[in-house]
Amino acid sequence: MFGIGFGELLVILLVALVVVGPAGLPKAARSLGKIVMTARRMVKEASDELDINEDELKEPELTKIRDEVDEIKAELKEETRL
């Protein structure tokens, strides 16, 4: 996941157990889980917002291209009439 092996994970858990204590470890794990879920939700919302803004930025460009194509079509029609 983060390049952490089983031995390293075991050391982290043992240090957490010593620092927080056996009674506080479940509460600390829940708090950490809530923090991770909140961070993931915030990143997803920001990513979704950026995707929407990207589409909004492309719309004026597409409108400009469509207008140019319409102008070219009109010019071609006029040339074929002559």
N, C-alpha and C. Protein backbone atom coordinates (compact mmCIF):
# COMPACT_ATOMS: atom_id res chain seq x y z
N MET A 1 0.83 -1.18 0.00
CA MET A 1 0.00 0.00 0.00
C MET A 1 0.88 1.24 0.00
N PHE A 2 1.68 1.46 1.04
CA PHE A 2 2.58 2.59 1.12
C PHE A 2 4.02 2.15 1.09
N GLY A 3 4.27 0.94 0.63
CA GLY A 3 5.61 0.40 0.63
C GLY A 3 6.03 -0.06 2.02
N ILE A 4 5.05 -0.37 2.86
CA ILE A 4 5.32 -0.82 4.22
C ILE A 4 5.16 -2.34 4.26
N GLY A 5 6.19 -3.00 4.74
CA GLY A 5 6.14 -4.46 4.86
C GLY A 5 5.48 -4.87 6.16
N PHE A 6 5.32 -6.17 6.33
CA PHE A 6 4.67 -6.69 7.53
C PHE A 6 5.45 -6.35 8.80
N GLY A 7 6.75 -6.47 8.76
CA GLY A 7 7.59 -6.17 9.93
C GLY A 7 7.48 -4.71 10.34
N GLU A 8 7.49 -3.82 9.34
CA GLU A 8 7.37 -2.39 9.63
C GLU A 8 6.00 -2.06 10.21
N LEU A 9 4.97 -2.68 9.66
CA LEU A 9 3.62 -2.47 10.17
C LEU A 9 3.50 -2.95 11.61
N LEU A 10 4.13 -4.06 11.92
CA LEU A 10 4.11 -4.60 13.27
C LEU A 10 4.79 -3.64 14.25
N VAL A 11 5.91 -3.05 13.84
CA VAL A 11 6.61 -2.08 14.69
C VAL A 11 5.73 -0.85 14.93
N ILE A 12 5.06 -0.37 13.89
CA ILE A 12 4.18 0.79 14.02
C ILE A 12 3.05 0.48 15.00
N LEU A 13 2.46 -0.70 14.89
CA LEU A 13 1.38 -1.08 15.80
C LEU A 13 1.86 -1.20 17.24
N LEU A 14 3.05 -1.75 17.44
CA LEU A 14 3.60 -1.87 18.79
C LEU A 14 3.88 -0.50 19.40
N VAL A 15 4.43 0.41 18.61
CA VAL A 15 4.69 1.76 19.10
C VAL A 15 3.37 2.45 19.45
N ALA A 16 2.36 2.29 18.60
CA ALA A 16 1.05 2.88 18.88
C ALA A 16 0.45 2.29 20.15
N LEU A 17 0.63 1.01 20.34
CA LEU A 17 0.11 0.36 21.54
C LEU A 17 0.79 0.91 22.79
N VAL A 18 2.10 1.14 22.72
CA VAL A 18 2.83 1.68 23.87
C VAL A 18 2.45 3.14 24.13
N VAL A 19 2.34 3.94 23.07
CA VAL A 19 2.06 5.37 23.21
C VAL A 19 0.62 5.61 23.66
N VAL A 20 -0.34 4.98 23.00
CA VAL A 20 -1.75 5.23 23.28
C VAL A 20 -2.26 4.34 24.41
N GLY A 21 -1.75 3.16 24.49
CA GLY A 21 -2.21 2.22 25.50
C GLY A 21 -3.29 1.32 24.94
N PRO A 22 -3.48 0.15 25.56
CA PRO A 22 -4.44 -0.81 25.04
C PRO A 22 -5.89 -0.31 25.10
N ALA A 23 -6.21 0.51 26.07
CA ALA A 23 -7.58 1.00 26.18
C ALA A 23 -7.88 2.08 25.15
N GLY A 24 -6.89 2.88 24.83
CA GLY A 24 -7.10 3.99 23.90
C GLY A 24 -6.87 3.63 22.45
N LEU A 25 -6.34 2.45 22.18
CA LEU A 25 -6.01 2.07 20.80
C LEU A 25 -7.25 1.99 19.90
N PRO A 26 -8.38 1.38 20.34
CA PRO A 26 -9.56 1.36 19.45
C PRO A 26 -10.09 2.76 19.15
N LYS A 27 -10.08 3.64 20.14
CA LYS A 27 -10.55 5.01 19.92
C LYS A 27 -9.64 5.74 18.93
N ALA A 28 -8.32 5.54 19.08
CA ALA A 28 -7.36 6.16 18.17
C ALA A 28 -7.54 5.63 16.75
N ALA A 29 -7.80 4.33 16.63
CA ALA A 29 -8.00 3.73 15.30
C ALA A 29 -9.26 4.30 14.65
N ARG A 30 -10.34 4.46 15.44
CA ARG A 30 -11.57 5.05 14.89
C ARG A 30 -11.33 6.49 14.44
N SER A 31 -10.62 7.24 15.26
CA SER A 31 -10.33 8.63 14.91
C SER A 31 -9.51 8.72 13.63
N LEU A 32 -8.52 7.87 13.52
CA LEU A 32 -7.69 7.84 12.32
C LEU A 32 -8.53 7.45 11.09
N GLY A 33 -9.42 6.49 11.26
CA GLY A 33 -10.30 6.09 10.16
C GLY A 33 -11.19 7.22 9.71
N LYS A 34 -11.73 7.98 10.66
CA LYS A 34 -12.59 9.12 10.31
C LYS A 34 -11.80 10.19 9.57
N ILE A 35 -10.57 10.42 10.03
CA ILE A 35 -9.73 11.42 9.36
C ILE A 35 -9.42 11.00 7.93
N VAL A 36 -9.10 9.74 7.74
CA VAL A 36 -8.79 9.24 6.39
C VAL A 36 -10.02 9.34 5.49
N MET A 37 -11.19 8.96 6.00
CA MET A 37 -12.41 9.02 5.18
C MET A 37 -12.76 10.47 4.82
N THR A 38 -12.60 11.38 5.77
CA THR A 38 -12.87 12.79 5.50
C THR A 38 -11.90 13.32 4.45
N ALA A 39 -10.65 12.97 4.55
CA ALA A 39 -9.65 13.41 3.57
C ALA A 39 -9.98 12.86 2.18
N ARG A 40 -10.35 11.58 2.12
CA ARG A 40 -10.70 10.99 0.81
C ARG A 40 -11.92 11.69 0.21
N ARG A 41 -12.92 11.98 1.04
CA ARG A 41 -14.13 12.64 0.56
C ARG A 41 -13.78 14.04 0.03
N MET A 42 -12.93 14.76 0.76
CA MET A 42 -12.55 16.10 0.32
C MET A 42 -11.78 16.06 -1.00
N VAL A 43 -10.89 15.10 -1.15
CA VAL A 43 -10.13 14.97 -2.40
C VAL A 43 -11.06 14.64 -3.56
N LYS A 44 -12.02 13.74 -3.33
CA LYS A 44 -12.97 13.37 -4.38
C LYS A 44 -13.82 14.56 -4.79
N GLU A 45 -14.33 15.31 -3.81
CA GLU A 45 -15.14 16.49 -4.12
C GLU A 45 -14.33 17.52 -4.90
N ALA A 46 -13.09 17.74 -4.51
CA ALA A 46 -12.24 18.70 -5.22
C ALA A 46 -11.98 18.21 -6.65
N SER A 47 -11.73 16.93 -6.79
CA SER A 47 -11.49 16.36 -8.11
C SER A 47 -12.72 16.50 -9.00
N ASP A 48 -13.90 16.21 -8.44
CA ASP A 48 -15.14 16.36 -9.20
C ASP A 48 -15.35 17.81 -9.61
N GLU A 49 -15.06 18.73 -8.71
CA GLU A 49 -15.22 20.15 -9.01
C GLU A 49 -14.27 20.57 -10.12
N LEU A 50 -13.05 20.08 -10.11
CA LEU A 50 -12.10 20.42 -11.16
C LEU A 50 -12.54 19.86 -12.50
N ASP A 51 -13.11 18.65 -12.50
CA ASP A 51 -13.61 18.07 -13.75
C ASP A 51 -14.73 18.91 -14.33
N ILE A 52 -15.63 19.40 -13.48
CA ILE A 52 -16.74 20.25 -13.94
C ILE A 52 -16.19 21.55 -14.51
N ASN A 53 -15.24 22.17 -13.80
CA ASN A 53 -14.67 23.42 -14.28
C ASN A 53 -13.93 23.24 -15.60
N GLU A 54 -13.30 22.09 -15.78
CA GLU A 54 -12.59 21.82 -17.03
C GLU A 54 -13.58 21.78 -18.18
N ASP A 55 -14.74 21.16 -17.99
CA ASP A 55 -15.75 21.12 -19.03
C ASP A 55 -16.29 22.51 -19.33
N GLU A 56 -16.46 23.32 -18.29
CA GLU A 56 -16.95 24.68 -18.49
C GLU A 56 -15.93 25.51 -19.26
N LEU A 57 -14.64 25.26 -19.04
CA LEU A 57 -13.63 26.00 -19.77
C LEU A 57 -13.59 25.61 -21.24
N LYS A 58 -13.91 24.38 -21.54
CA LYS A 58 -13.87 23.92 -22.93
C LYS A 58 -15.05 24.44 -23.74
N GLU A 59 -16.18 24.73 -23.08
CA GLU A 59 -17.38 25.14 -23.80
C GLU A 59 -17.18 26.40 -24.64
N PRO A 60 -16.57 27.47 -24.13
CA PRO A 60 -16.36 28.64 -25.00
C PRO A 60 -15.47 28.33 -26.20
N GLU A 61 -14.48 27.47 -26.01
CA GLU A 61 -13.62 27.10 -27.13
C GLU A 61 -14.42 26.36 -28.19
N LEU A 62 -15.30 25.46 -27.77
CA LEU A 62 -16.11 24.72 -28.72
C LEU A 62 -17.06 25.64 -29.47
N THR A 63 -17.63 26.60 -28.76
CA THR A 63 -18.53 27.57 -29.40
C THR A 63 -17.78 28.37 -30.46
N LYS A 64 -16.56 28.78 -30.14
CA LYS A 64 -15.75 29.54 -31.09
C LYS A 64 -15.45 28.71 -32.33
N ILE A 65 -15.11 27.45 -32.15
CA ILE A 65 -14.81 26.56 -33.28
C ILE A 65 -16.06 26.35 -34.13
N ARG A 66 -17.20 26.15 -33.48
CA ARG A 66 -18.45 25.97 -34.23
C ARG A 66 -18.77 27.20 -35.07
N ASP A 67 -18.56 28.38 -34.49
CA ASP A 67 -18.80 29.61 -35.24
C ASP A 67 -17.89 29.71 -36.45
N GLU A 68 -16.62 29.35 -36.27
CA GLU A 68 -15.68 29.40 -37.39
C GLU A 68 -16.08 28.42 -38.48
N VAL A 69 -16.53 27.22 -38.09
CA VAL A 69 -16.96 26.23 -39.07
C VAL A 69 -18.18 26.74 -39.82
N ASP A 70 -19.11 27.36 -39.12
CA ASP A 70 -20.30 27.91 -39.78
C ASP A 70 -19.92 29.00 -40.78
N GLU A 71 -18.95 29.84 -40.42
CA GLU A 71 -18.50 30.87 -41.33
C GLU A 71 -17.87 30.27 -42.59
N ILE A 72 -17.07 29.23 -42.40
CA ILE A 72 -16.43 28.56 -43.54
C ILE A 72 -17.48 27.93 -44.43
N LYS A 73 -18.49 27.30 -43.85
CA LYS A 73 -19.58 26.71 -44.64
C LYS A 73 -20.28 27.78 -45.46
N ALA A 74 -20.56 28.92 -44.83
CA ALA A 74 -21.24 30.00 -45.54
C ALA A 74 -20.38 30.50 -46.70
N GLU A 75 -19.08 30.64 -46.49
CA GLU A 75 -18.19 31.08 -47.55
C GLU A 75 -18.16 30.08 -48.69
N LEU A 76 -18.13 28.79 -48.38
CA LEU A 76 -18.11 27.76 -49.42
C LEU A 76 -19.40 27.77 -50.22
N LYS A 77 -20.53 27.98 -49.57
CA LYS A 77 -21.81 28.04 -50.29
C LYS A 77 -21.82 29.22 -51.26
N GLU A 78 -21.28 30.34 -50.80
CA GLU A 78 -21.24 31.53 -51.65
C GLU A 78 -20.32 31.31 -52.85
N GLU A 79 -19.20 30.62 -52.62
CA GLU A 79 -18.25 30.37 -53.70
C GLU A 79 -18.85 29.41 -54.72
N THR A 80 -19.60 28.41 -54.27
CA THR A 80 -20.18 27.45 -55.21
C THR A 80 -21.32 28.10 -56.00
N ARG A 81 -21.96 29.11 -55.49
CA ARG A 81 -23.05 29.81 -56.20
C ARG A 81 -22.49 30.65 -57.34
N LEU A 82 -21.27 31.15 -57.17
CA LEU A 82 -20.68 32.03 -58.20
C LEU A 82 -20.23 31.18 -59.33
